[in-house]
C-alpha atoms as a PDB file:
ATOM      1  CA  MET A   1     -13.046 -13.879   9.640  1.00  0.00           C
ATOM      2  CA  LEU A   2     -10.664 -12.501   7.040  1.00  0.00           C
ATOM      3  CA  GLY A   3     -11.738 -11.804   3.488  1.00  0.00           C
ATOM      4  CA  PRO A   4      -9.938 -12.962   0.365  1.00  0.00           C
ATOM      5  CA  PRO A   5      -6.245 -12.129  -0.070  1.00  0.00           C
ATOM      6  CA  PRO A   6      -5.761  -8.582  -1.360  1.00  0.00           C
ATOM      7  CA  ALA A   7      -4.939  -7.998  -5.008  1.00  0.00           C
ATOM      8  CA  LEU A   8      -1.465  -6.607  -5.523  1.00  0.00           C
ATOM      9  CA  VAL A   9       0.098  -4.794  -8.462  1.00  0.00           C
ATOM     10  CA  ASN A  10       3.309  -3.174  -9.716  1.00  0.00           C
ATOM     11  CA  HIS A  11       5.614  -6.187  -9.572  1.00  0.00           C
ATOM     12  CA  TRP A  12       4.575  -7.001  -6.013  1.00  0.00           C
ATOM     13  CA  ASP A  13       6.057 -10.255  -4.818  1.00  0.00           C
ATOM     14  CA  PRO A  14       3.824 -11.566  -2.014  1.00  0.00           C
ATOM     15  CA  ALA A  15       6.471 -14.125  -1.056  1.00  0.00           C
ATOM     16  CA  ALA A  16       9.064 -11.375  -0.594  1.00  0.00           C
ATOM     17  CA  HIS A  17       6.652  -8.938   1.098  1.00  0.00           C
ATOM     18  CA  PRO A  18       3.971 -10.975   2.887  1.00  0.00           C
ATOM     19  CA  LEU A  19       1.057  -9.079   4.352  1.00  0.00           C
ATOM     20  CA  GLN A  20       0.812  -9.706   8.077  1.00  0.00           C
ATOM     21  CA  VAL A  21      -2.466  -9.454   9.985  1.00  0.00           C
ATOM     22  CA  ARG A  22      -2.161  -6.820  12.724  1.00  0.00           C
ATOM     23  CA  GLY A  23      -3.959  -6.861  16.058  1.00  0.00           C
ATOM     24  CA  ASP A  24      -6.697  -4.589  14.693  1.00  0.00           C
ATOM     25  CA  GLY A  25      -7.419  -6.986  11.809  1.00  0.00           C
ATOM     26  CA  MET A  26      -5.741  -4.804   9.184  1.00  0.00           C
ATOM     27  CA  ARG A  27      -3.007  -6.229   6.975  1.00  0.00           C
ATOM     28  CA  ALA A  28       0.379  -4.538   6.632  1.00  0.00           C
ATOM     29  CA  ALA A  29       3.739  -5.095   4.973  1.00  0.00           C
ATOM     30  CA  THR A  30       7.011  -3.241   5.247  1.00  0.00           C
ATOM     31  CA  VAL A  31       9.054  -2.466   2.153  1.00  0.00           C
ATOM     32  CA  VAL A  32      12.353  -0.638   1.734  1.00  0.00           C
ATOM     33  CA  LEU A  33      12.247   2.179  -0.827  1.00  0.00           C
ATOM     34  CA  PRO A  34      15.147   4.025  -2.454  1.00  0.00           C
ATOM     35  CA  THR A  35      16.062   7.148  -0.499  1.00  0.00           C
ATOM     36  CA  HIS A  36      15.893  10.767  -1.661  1.00  0.00           C
ATOM     37  CA  LYS A  37      13.020  10.052  -4.041  1.00  0.00           C
ATOM     38  CA  GLY A  38       9.274  10.472  -4.246  1.00  0.00           C
ATOM     39  CA  HIS A  39       7.078   7.392  -4.592  1.00  0.00           C
ATOM     40  CA  SER A  40       3.430   7.225  -5.694  1.00  0.00           C
ATOM     41  CA  PHE A  41       0.984   4.839  -4.062  1.00  0.00           C
ATOM     42  CA  ARG A  42      -2.699   4.108  -3.515  1.00  0.00           C
ATOM     43  CA  TYR A  43      -4.651   1.713  -1.334  1.00  0.00           C
ATOM     44  CA  LEU A  44      -7.039  -0.934  -2.641  1.00  0.00           C
ATOM     45  CA  ALA A  45      -9.961  -2.035  -0.480  1.00  0.00           C
ATOM     46  CA  ALA A  46     -12.825  -4.441  -1.072  1.00  0.00           C
ATOM     47  CA  GLY A  47     -11.416  -5.570  -4.411  1.00  0.00           C
ATOM     48  CA  ASP A  48     -12.294  -2.479  -6.453  1.00  0.00           C
ATOM     49  CA  TYR A  49     -12.263   0.593  -4.191  1.00  0.00           C
ATOM     50  CA  TRP A  50      -9.068   2.656  -4.590  1.00  0.00           C
ATOM     51  CA  PHE A  51      -8.306   5.486  -2.187  1.00  0.00           C
ATOM     52  CA  ASP A  52      -5.507   7.869  -1.258  1.00  0.00           C
ATOM     53  CA  ASP A  53      -3.792   8.534   2.056  1.00  0.00           C
ATOM     54  CA  ASP A  54      -4.982  11.884   3.453  1.00  0.00           C
ATOM     55  CA  GLU A  55      -1.823  12.094   5.580  1.00  0.00           C
ATOM     56  CA  ALA A  56       0.646  11.397   2.741  1.00  0.00           C
ATOM     57  CA  ASP A  57       3.560  13.735   2.029  1.00  0.00           C
ATOM     58  CA  GLY A  58       1.649  14.968  -1.024  1.00  0.00           C
ATOM     59  CA  HIS A  59      -0.554  14.024  -3.970  1.00  0.00           C
ATOM     60  CA  ASP A  60       0.107  13.994  -7.725  1.00  0.00           C
ATOM     61  CA  GLY A  61      -3.402  13.975  -9.122  1.00  0.00           C
ATOM     62  CA  THR A  62      -4.683  10.446  -8.623  1.00  0.00           C
ATOM     63  CA  ASN A  63      -2.014   9.089  -6.250  1.00  0.00           C
ATOM     64  CA  SER A  64      -0.627   9.740  -2.806  1.00  0.00           C
ATOM     65  CA  ARG A  65       3.095  10.533  -2.565  1.00  0.00           C
ATOM     66  CA  VAL A  66       5.677   9.592   0.038  1.00  0.00           C
ATOM     67  CA  ASN A  67       9.149  11.153   0.101  1.00  0.00           C
ATOM     68  CA  THR A  68      12.091   9.133   1.387  1.00  0.00           C
END
């Protein structure tokens, strides 16, 4: 059984970027980011638990970073 839909922020458009349920039960979406830039992100779980990606390209204090 899936929980409630995840909360999304930062101008997220769920109609443009729908989260798809993967075979392992996780949800995922693919977005295209501008190239040659760094982008900050975090994950939100269970409605109020924010966490970073340990395998990100870097970290900027409270966020994970991905370089494109």
